[in-house]
């Protein structure tokens, strides 16, 4: 089976963020990791209220060698700013 290392690193970072935020297909959460330079990637994450009235968006950059750490760190940043009732209607 073929594997693209950069795509795998981005996927690991995105999944780590979703894990921290307990993301599901019913939760308005987004994660996007992309390459900035050959060794650095940038990650954006956000959560939104179900009605779209509020969005919390943050970004981080890091090395391709630690994608899960970057995703976890970004997820924790967003989680600290997200009230416990944020996803309630």
PDB file of N, CA and C in Angstrom:
ATOM      1  N   UNK A   1       0.842  -1.174   0.000  1.00  0.00           N
ATOM      2  CA  UNK A   1       0.000   0.000   0.000  1.00  0.00           C
ATOM      3  C   UNK A   1       0.890   1.242   0.000  1.00  0.00           C
ATOM      4  N   UNK A   2       0.584   2.200  -0.854  1.00  0.00           N
ATOM      5  CA  UNK A   2       1.336   3.450  -0.945  1.00  0.00           C
ATOM      6  C   UNK A   2       0.862   4.413   0.139  1.00  0.00           C
ATOM      7  N   UNK A   3       1.772   5.287   0.561  1.00  0.00           N
ATOM      8  CA  UNK A   3       1.433   6.260   1.589  1.00  0.00           C
ATOM      9  C   UNK A   3       2.156   7.566   1.291  1.00  0.00           C
ATOM     10  N   UNK A   4       1.471   8.669   1.407  1.00  0.00           N
ATOM     11  CA  UNK A   4       2.058   9.993   1.228  1.00  0.00           C
ATOM     12  C   UNK A   4       2.270  10.578   2.618  1.00  0.00           C
ATOM     13  N   UNK A   5       3.531  10.698   3.029  1.00  0.00           N
ATOM     14  CA  UNK A   5       3.872  11.075   4.404  1.00  0.00           C
ATOM     15  C   UNK A   5       3.297  12.431   4.811  1.00  0.00           C
ATOM     16  N   UNK A   6       3.311  13.397   3.918  1.00  0.00           N
ATOM     17  CA  UNK A   6       2.798  14.728   4.252  1.00  0.00           C
ATOM     18  C   UNK A   6       1.288  14.683   4.482  1.00  0.00           C
ATOM     19  N   UNK A   7       0.579  13.975   3.622  1.00  0.00           N
ATOM     20  CA  UNK A   7      -0.875  13.838   3.804  1.00  0.00           C
ATOM     21  C   UNK A   7      -1.187  13.126   5.109  1.00  0.00           C
ATOM     22  N   UNK A   8      -0.392  12.119   5.442  1.00  0.00           N
ATOM     23  CA  UNK A   8      -0.600  11.396   6.695  1.00  0.00           C
ATOM     24  C   UNK A   8      -0.379  12.310   7.897  1.00  0.00           C
ATOM     25  N   UNK A   9       0.666  13.144   7.855  1.00  0.00           N
ATOM     26  CA  UNK A   9       0.934  14.068   8.961  1.00  0.00           C
ATOM     27  C   UNK A   9      -0.222  15.053   9.136  1.00  0.00           C
ATOM     28  N   UNK A  10      -0.726  15.591   8.039  1.00  0.00           N
ATOM     29  CA  UNK A  10      -1.856  16.524   8.117  1.00  0.00           C
ATOM     30  C   UNK A  10      -3.087  15.836   8.696  1.00  0.00           C
ATOM     31  N   UNK A  11      -3.349  14.621   8.258  1.00  0.00           N
ATOM     32  CA  UNK A  11      -4.499  13.860   8.757  1.00  0.00           C
ATOM     33  C   UNK A  11      -4.370  13.583  10.260  1.00  0.00           C
ATOM     34  N   UNK A  12      -3.164  13.229  10.706  1.00  0.00           N
ATOM     35  CA  UNK A  12      -2.957  12.965  12.137  1.00  0.00           C
ATOM     36  C   UNK A  12      -3.212  14.221  12.967  1.00  0.00           C
ATOM     37  N   UNK A  13      -2.764  15.372  12.474  1.00  0.00           N
ATOM     38  CA  UNK A  13      -2.985  16.631  13.193  1.00  0.00           C
ATOM     39  C   UNK A  13      -4.472  16.951  13.275  1.00  0.00           C
ATOM     40  N   UNK A  14      -5.172  16.806  12.159  1.00  0.00           N
ATOM     41  CA  UNK A  14      -6.610  17.098  12.131  1.00  0.00           C
ATOM     42  C   UNK A  14      -7.384  16.164  13.056  1.00  0.00           C
ATOM     43  N   UNK A  15      -7.048  14.897  13.038  1.00  0.00           N
ATOM     44  CA  UNK A  15      -7.742  13.935  13.911  1.00  0.00           C
ATOM     45  C   UNK A  15      -7.449  14.191  15.379  1.00  0.00           C
ATOM     46  N   UNK A  16      -6.231  14.630  15.696  1.00  0.00           N
ATOM     47  CA  UNK A  16      -5.893  14.939  17.090  1.00  0.00           C
ATOM     48  C   UNK A  16      -6.754  16.095  17.598  1.00  0.00           C
ATOM     49  N   UNK A  17      -6.936  17.124  16.780  1.00  0.00           N
ATOM     50  CA  UNK A  17      -7.791  18.247  17.172  1.00  0.00           C
ATOM     51  C   UNK A  17      -9.219  17.764  17.407  1.00  0.00           C
ATOM     52  N   UNK A  18      -9.743  16.977  16.497  1.00  0.00           N
ATOM     53  CA  UNK A  18     -11.112  16.468  16.648  1.00  0.00           C
ATOM     54  C   UNK A  18     -11.257  15.612  17.904  1.00  0.00           C
ATOM     55  N   UNK A  19     -10.223  14.843  18.224  1.00  0.00           N
ATOM     56  CA  UNK A  19     -10.263  14.001  19.426  1.00  0.00           C
ATOM     57  C   UNK A  19     -10.357  14.869  20.684  1.00  0.00           C
ATOM     58  N   UNK A  20      -9.550  15.929  20.760  1.00  0.00           N
ATOM     59  CA  UNK A  20      -9.558  16.823  21.926  1.00  0.00           C
ATOM     60  C   UNK A  20     -10.926  17.478  22.097  1.00  0.00           C
ATOM     61  N   UNK A  21     -11.532  17.875  20.987  1.00  0.00           N
ATOM     62  CA  UNK A  21     -12.820  18.574  21.039  1.00  0.00           C
ATOM     63  C   UNK A  21     -14.008  17.624  21.005  1.00  0.00           C
ATOM     64  N   UNK A  22     -13.743  16.332  21.033  1.00  0.00           N
ATOM     65  CA  UNK A  22     -14.789  15.311  21.003  1.00  0.00           C
ATOM     66  C   UNK A  22     -15.699  15.527  19.796  1.00  0.00           C
ATOM     67  N   UNK A  23     -15.070  15.759  18.654  1.00  0.00           N
ATOM     68  CA  UNK A  23     -15.810  16.047  17.433  1.00  0.00           C
ATOM     69  C   UNK A  23     -16.542  14.844  16.875  1.00  0.00           C
ATOM     70  N   UNK A  24     -17.674  15.114  16.296  1.00  0.00           N
ATOM     71  CA  UNK A  24     -18.461  14.078  15.627  1.00  0.00           C
ATOM     72  C   UNK A  24     -19.037  14.688  14.355  1.00  0.00           C
ATOM     73  N   UNK A  25     -19.756  13.886  13.599  1.00  0.00           N
ATOM     74  CA  UNK A  25     -20.362  14.402  12.367  1.00  0.00           C
ATOM     75  C   UNK A  25     -21.544  15.323  12.661  1.00  0.00           C
ATOM     76  N   UNK A  26     -21.923  15.445  13.917  1.00  0.00           N
ATOM     77  CA  UNK A  26     -23.042  16.316  14.293  1.00  0.00           C
ATOM     78  C   UNK A  26     -22.590  17.577  15.025  1.00  0.00           C
ATOM     79  N   UNK A  27     -21.279  17.767  15.121  1.00  0.00           N
ATOM     80  CA  UNK A  27     -20.734  18.910  15.839  1.00  0.00           C
ATOM     81  C   UNK A  27     -20.083  19.865  14.844  1.00  0.00           C
ATOM     82  N   UNK A  28     -20.405  21.153  14.886  1.00  0.00           N
ATOM     83  CA  UNK A  28     -19.797  22.101  13.953  1.00  0.00           C
ATOM     84  C   UNK A  28     -18.346  22.428  14.337  1.00  0.00           C
ATOM     85  N   UNK A  29     -17.447  21.523  13.952  1.00  0.00           N
ATOM     86  CA  UNK A  29     -16.017  21.653  14.210  1.00  0.00           C
ATOM     87  C   UNK A  29     -15.295  21.474  12.882  1.00  0.00           C
ATOM     88  N   UNK A  30     -14.252  22.273  12.676  1.00  0.00           N
ATOM     89  CA  UNK A  30     -13.454  22.136  11.457  1.00  0.00           C
ATOM     90  C   UNK A  30     -11.975  22.088  11.805  1.00  0.00           C
ATOM     91  N   UNK A  31     -11.225  21.326  11.021  1.00  0.00           N
ATOM     92  CA  UNK A  31      -9.777  21.244  11.165  1.00  0.00           C
ATOM     93  C   UNK A  31      -9.175  21.146   9.770  1.00  0.00           C
ATOM     94  N   UNK A  32      -8.147  21.953   9.515  1.00  0.00           N
ATOM     95  CA  UNK A  32      -7.463  21.906   8.230  1.00  0.00           C
ATOM     96  C   UNK A  32      -5.974  22.124   8.456  1.00  0.00           C
ATOM     97  N   UNK A  33      -5.175  21.144   8.084  1.00  0.00           N
ATOM     98  CA  UNK A  33      -3.718  21.253   8.147  1.00  0.00           C
ATOM     99  C   UNK A  33      -3.196  21.311   6.719  1.00  0.00           C
ATOM    100  N   UNK A  34      -2.218  22.182   6.484  1.00  0.00           N
ATOM    101  CA  UNK A  34      -1.666  22.321   5.139  1.00  0.00           C
ATOM    102  C   UNK A  34      -0.189  22.702   5.216  1.00  0.00           C
ATOM    103  N   UNK A  35       0.525  22.419   4.159  1.00  0.00           N
ATOM    104  CA  UNK A  35       1.958  22.673   4.095  1.00  0.00           C
ATOM    105  C   UNK A  35       2.226  24.150   3.813  1.00  0.00           C
ATOM    106  N   UNK A  36       3.122  24.740   4.607  1.00  0.00           N
ATOM    107  CA  UNK A  36       3.568  26.115   4.392  1.00  0.00           C
ATOM    108  C   UNK A  36       4.928  26.119   3.687  1.00  0.00           C
ATOM    109  N   UNK A  37       5.855  25.319   4.185  1.00  0.00           N
ATOM    110  CA  UNK A  37       7.187  25.129   3.605  1.00  0.00           C
ATOM    111  C   UNK A  37       7.461  23.631   3.662  1.00  0.00           C
ATOM    112  N   UNK A  38       8.570  23.164   3.098  1.00  0.00           N
ATOM    113  CA  UNK A  38       8.828  21.716   3.133  1.00  0.00           C
ATOM    114  C   UNK A  38       8.834  21.098   4.541  1.00  0.00           C
ATOM    115  N   UNK A  39       9.166  21.866   5.566  1.00  0.00           N
ATOM    116  CA  UNK A  39       9.239  21.315   6.923  1.00  0.00           C
ATOM    117  C   UNK A  39       8.160  21.829   7.870  1.00  0.00           C
ATOM    118  N   UNK A  40       7.412  22.816   7.467  1.00  0.00           N
ATOM    119  CA  UNK A  40       6.438  23.467   8.351  1.00  0.00           C
ATOM    120  C   UNK A  40       5.035  23.355   7.766  1.00  0.00           C
ATOM    121  N   UNK A  41       4.078  23.069   8.648  1.00  0.00           N
ATOM    122  CA  UNK A  41       2.693  23.125   8.206  1.00  0.00           C
ATOM    123  C   UNK A  41       1.888  23.994   9.148  1.00  0.00           C
ATOM    124  N   UNK A  42       0.807  24.515   8.641  1.00  0.00           N
ATOM    125  CA  UNK A  42      -0.082  25.381   9.408  1.00  0.00           C
ATOM    126  C   UNK A  42      -1.397  24.651   9.590  1.00  0.00           C
ATOM    127  N   UNK A  43      -1.981  24.859  10.750  1.00  0.00           N
ATOM    128  CA  UNK A  43      -3.250  24.217  11.041  1.00  0.00           C
ATOM    129  C   UNK A  43      -4.249  25.253  11.521  1.00  0.00           C
ATOM    130  N   UNK A  44      -5.452  25.183  10.969  1.00  0.00           N
ATOM    131  CA  UNK A  44      -6.569  26.019  11.392  1.00  0.00           C
ATOM    132  C   UNK A  44      -7.617  25.118  12.024  1.00  0.00           C
ATOM    133  N   UNK A  45      -8.228  25.609  13.077  1.00  0.00           N
ATOM    134  CA  UNK A  45      -9.317  24.875  13.710  1.00  0.00           C
ATOM    135  C   UNK A  45     -10.397  25.846  14.134  1.00  0.00           C
ATOM    136  N   UNK A  46     -11.622  25.361  14.155  1.00  0.00           N
ATOM    137  CA  UNK A  46     -12.708  26.219  14.620  1.00  0.00           C
ATOM    138  C   UNK A  46     -13.854  25.387  15.155  1.00  0.00           C
ATOM    139  N   UNK A  47     -14.621  26.027  16.013  1.00  0.00           N
ATOM    140  CA  UNK A  47     -15.903  25.498  16.470  1.00  0.00           C
ATOM    141  C   UNK A  47     -16.923  26.605  16.243  1.00  0.00           C
ATOM    142  N   UNK A  48     -18.148  26.216  15.962  1.00  0.00           N
ATOM    143  CA  UNK A  48     -19.218  27.191  15.727  1.00  0.00           C
ATOM    144  C   UNK A  48     -20.453  26.781  16.509  1.00  0.00           C
ATOM    145  N   UNK A  49     -21.204  27.763  16.947  1.00  0.00           N
ATOM    146  CA  UNK A  49     -22.503  27.458  17.557  1.00  0.00           C
ATOM    147  C   UNK A  49     -23.390  26.863  16.465  1.00  0.00           C
ATOM    148  N   UNK A  50     -24.289  25.965  16.837  1.00  0.00           N
ATOM    149  CA  UNK A  50     -25.153  25.326  15.832  1.00  0.00           C
ATOM    150  C   UNK A  50     -25.911  26.311  14.944  1.00  0.00           C
ATOM    151  N   UNK A  51     -26.267  27.480  15.483  1.00  0.00           N
ATOM    152  CA  UNK A  51     -26.998  28.460  14.675  1.00  0.00           C
ATOM    153  C   UNK A  51     -26.065  29.426  13.938  1.00  0.00           C
ATOM    154  N   UNK A  52     -24.752  29.243  14.094  1.00  0.00           N
ATOM    155  CA  UNK A  52     -23.778  30.084  13.409  1.00  0.00           C
ATOM    156  C   UNK A  52     -23.560  31.445  14.031  1.00  0.00           C
ATOM    157  N   UNK A  53     -24.162  31.697  15.188  1.00  0.00           N
ATOM    158  CA  UNK A  53     -24.083  33.020  15.798  1.00  0.00           C
ATOM    159  C   UNK A  53     -22.707  33.342  16.387  1.00  0.00           C
ATOM    160  N   UNK A  54     -21.888  32.331  16.617  1.00  0.00           N
ATOM    161  CA  UNK A  54     -20.552  32.570  17.173  1.00  0.00           C
ATOM    162  C   UNK A  54     -19.598  31.511  16.652  1.00  0.00           C
ATOM    163  N   UNK A  55     -18.397  31.945  16.317  1.00  0.00           N
ATOM    164  CA  UNK A  55     -17.346  31.049  15.839  1.00  0.00           C
ATOM    165  C   UNK A  55     -16.076  31.351  16.618  1.00  0.00           C
ATOM    166  N   UNK A  56     -15.390  30.306  17.052  1.00  0.00           N
ATOM    167  CA  UNK A  56     -14.079  30.446  17.684  1.00  0.00           C
ATOM    168  C   UNK A  56     -13.088  29.799  16.729  1.00  0.00           C
ATOM    169  N   UNK A  57     -12.139  30.599  16.221  1.00  0.00           N
ATOM    170  CA  UNK A  57     -11.183  30.120  15.220  1.00  0.00           C
ATOM    171  C   UNK A  57      -9.765  30.446  15.694  1.00  0.00           C
ATOM    172  N   UNK A  58      -8.887  29.468  15.608  1.00  0.00           N
ATOM    173  CA  UNK A  58      -7.486  29.653  15.985  1.00  0.00           C
ATOM    174  C   UNK A  58      -6.595  28.919  14.989  1.00  0.00           C
ATOM    175  N   UNK A  59      -5.314  29.335  14.933  1.00  0.00           N
ATOM    176  CA  UNK A  59      -4.335  28.712  14.041  1.00  0.00           C
ATOM    177  C   UNK A  59      -3.018  28.518  14.772  1.00  0.00           C
ATOM    178  N   UNK A  60      -2.263  27.510  14.340  1.00  0.00           N
ATOM    179  CA  UNK A  60      -0.910  27.254  14.838  1.00  0.00           C
ATOM    180  C   UNK A  60      -0.066  26.742  13.686  1.00  0.00           C
ATOM    181  N   UNK A  61       1.236  26.945  13.790  1.00  0.00           N
ATOM    182  CA  UNK A  61       2.176  26.356  12.843  1.00  0.00           C
ATOM    183  C   UNK A  61       3.131  25.459  13.604  1.00  0.00           C
ATOM    184  N   UNK A  62       3.636  24.432  12.939  1.00  0.00           N
ATOM    185  CA  UNK A  62       4.564  23.509  13.572  1.00  0.00           C
ATOM    186  C   UNK A  62       5.300  22.681  12.540  1.00  0.00           C
ATOM    187  N   UNK A  63       6.129  21.784  13.034  1.00  0.00           N
ATOM    188  CA  UNK A  63       6.909  20.936  12.141  1.00  0.00           C
ATOM    189  C   UNK A  63       6.131  19.685  11.773  1.00  0.00           C
ATOM    190  N   UNK A  64       6.464  19.145  10.627  1.00  0.00           N
ATOM    191  CA  UNK A  64       5.813  17.914  10.175  1.00  0.00           C
ATOM    192  C   UNK A  64       6.146  16.723  11.063  1.00  0.00           C
ATOM    193  N   UNK A  65       7.185  16.848  11.878  1.00  0.00           N
ATOM    194  CA  UNK A  65       7.600  15.718  12.714  1.00  0.00           C
ATOM    195  C   UNK A  65       6.704  15.505  13.932  1.00  0.00           C
ATOM    196  N   UNK A  66       5.860  16.475  14.281  1.00  0.00           N
ATOM    197  CA  UNK A  66       5.006  16.359  15.471  1.00  0.00           C
ATOM    198  C   UNK A  66       3.562  16.749  15.169  1.00  0.00           C
ATOM    199  N   UNK A  67       2.923  16.109  14.215  1.00  0.00           N
ATOM    200  CA  UNK A  67       1.572  16.531  13.835  1.00  0.00           C
ATOM    201  C   UNK A  67       0.532  16.350  14.933  1.00  0.00           C
ATOM    202  N   UNK A  68       0.606  15.259  15.677  1.00  0.00           N
ATOM    203  CA  UNK A  68      -0.398  15.016  16.719  1.00  0.00           C
ATOM    204  C   UNK A  68      -0.265  16.014  17.857  1.00  0.00           C
ATOM    205  N   UNK A  69       0.967  16.397  18.177  1.00  0.00           N
ATOM    206  CA  UNK A  69       1.176  17.400  19.222  1.00  0.00           C
ATOM    207  C   UNK A  69       0.550  18.726  18.798  1.00  0.00           C
ATOM    208  N   UNK A  70       0.752  19.116  17.549  1.00  0.00           N
ATOM    209  CA  UNK A  70       0.198  20.375  17.062  1.00  0.00           C
ATOM    210  C   UNK A  70      -1.329  20.349  17.089  1.00  0.00           C
ATOM    211  N   UNK A  71      -1.927  19.267  16.614  1.00  0.00           N
ATOM    212  CA  UNK A  71      -3.383  19.154  16.623  1.00  0.00           C
ATOM    213  C   UNK A  71      -3.951  19.173  18.032  1.00  0.00           C
ATOM    214  N   UNK A  72      -3.274  18.477  18.937  1.00  0.00           N
ATOM    215  CA  UNK A  72      -3.711  18.449  20.337  1.00  0.00           C
ATOM    216  C   UNK A  72      -3.596  19.836  20.961  1.00  0.00           C
ATOM    217  N   UNK A  73      -2.488  20.511  20.718  1.00  0.00           N
ATOM    218  CA  UNK A  73      -2.284  21.850  21.281  1.00  0.00           C
ATOM    219  C   UNK A  73      -3.334  22.835  20.764  1.00  0.00           C
ATOM    220  N   UNK A  74      -3.606  22.792  19.478  1.00  0.00           N
ATOM    221  CA  UNK A  74      -4.617  23.684  18.914  1.00  0.00           C
ATOM    222  C   UNK A  74      -6.002  23.347  19.462  1.00  0.00           C
ATOM    223  N   UNK A  75      -6.307  22.068  19.575  1.00  0.00           N
ATOM    224  CA  UNK A  75      -7.582  21.655  20.153  1.00  0.00           C
ATOM    225  C   UNK A  75      -7.740  22.141  21.586  1.00  0.00           C
ATOM    226  N   UNK A  76      -6.673  22.056  22.369  1.00  0.00           N
ATOM    227  CA  UNK A  76      -6.720  22.528  23.763  1.00  0.00           C
ATOM    228  C   UNK A  76      -6.924  24.041  23.825  1.00  0.00           C
ATOM    229  N   UNK A  77      -6.278  24.781  22.914  1.00  0.00           N
ATOM    230  CA  UNK A  77      -6.473  26.242  22.871  1.00  0.00           C
ATOM    231  C   UNK A  77      -7.944  26.576  22.643  1.00  0.00           C
ATOM    232  N   UNK A  78      -8.530  25.917  21.667  1.00  0.00           N
ATOM    233  CA  UNK A  78      -9.934  26.177  21.338  1.00  0.00           C
ATOM    234  C   UNK A  78     -10.848  25.729  22.473  1.00  0.00           C
ATOM    235  N   UNK A  79     -10.550  24.579  23.055  1.00  0.00           N
ATOM    236  CA  UNK A  79     -11.380  24.040  24.138  1.00  0.00           C
ATOM    237  C   UNK A  79     -11.429  24.990  25.336  1.00  0.00           C
ATOM    238  N   UNK A  80     -10.297  25.608  25.670  1.00  0.00           N
ATOM    239  CA  UNK A  80     -10.246  26.545  26.800  1.00  0.00           C
ATOM    240  C   UNK A  80     -11.151  27.756  26.586  1.00  0.00           C
ATOM    241  N   UNK A  81     -11.368  28.124  25.332  1.00  0.00           N
ATOM    242  CA  UNK A  81     -12.189  29.293  25.020  1.00  0.00           C
ATOM    243  C   UNK A  81     -13.653  28.948  24.767  1.00  0.00           C
ATOM    244  N   UNK A  82     -13.984  27.670  24.766  1.00  0.00           N
ATOM    245  CA  UNK A  82     -15.331  27.235  24.404  1.00  0.00           C
ATOM    246  C   UNK A  82     -16.151  26.937  25.660  1.00  0.00           C
ATOM    247  N   UNK A  83     -17.206  27.695  25.934  1.00  0.00           N
ATOM    248  CA  UNK A  83     -18.052  27.427  27.097  1.00  0.00           C
ATOM    249  C   UNK A  83     -18.660  26.021  27.021  1.00  0.00           C
ATOM    250  N   UNK A  84     -18.938  25.429  28.168  1.00  0.00           N
ATOM    251  CA  UNK A  84     -19.461  24.054  28.202  1.00  0.00           C
ATOM    252  C   UNK A  84     -20.811  23.915  27.502  1.00  0.00           C
ATOM    253  N   UNK A  85     -21.588  24.986  27.444  1.00  0.00           N
ATOM    254  CA  UNK A  85     -22.902  24.921  26.789  1.00  0.00           C
ATOM    255  C   UNK A  85     -22.866  25.452  25.347  1.00  0.00           C
ATOM    256  N   UNK A  86     -21.687  25.593  24.788  1.00  0.00           N
ATOM    257  CA  UNK A  86     -21.505  26.216  23.475  1.00  0.00           C
ATOM    258  C   UNK A  86     -22.327  25.552  22.375  1.00  0.00           C
ATOM    259  N   UNK A  87     -22.424  24.227  22.383  1.00  0.00           N
ATOM    260  CA  UNK A  87     -23.116  23.518  21.313  1.00  0.00           C
ATOM    261  C   UNK A  87     -24.608  23.334  21.570  1.00  0.00           C
ATOM    262  N   UNK A  88     -25.103  23.828  22.710  1.00  0.00           N
ATOM    263  CA  UNK A  88     -26.534  23.730  22.995  1.00  0.00           C
ATOM    264  C   UNK A  88     -27.313  24.663  22.079  1.00  0.00           C
ATOM    265  N   UNK A  89     -28.500  24.236  21.717  1.00  0.00           N
ATOM    266  CA  UNK A  89     -29.360  25.070  20.857  1.00  0.00           C
ATOM    267  C   UNK A  89     -30.121  26.062  21.704  1.00  0.00           C
TER     268      UNK A  89
END
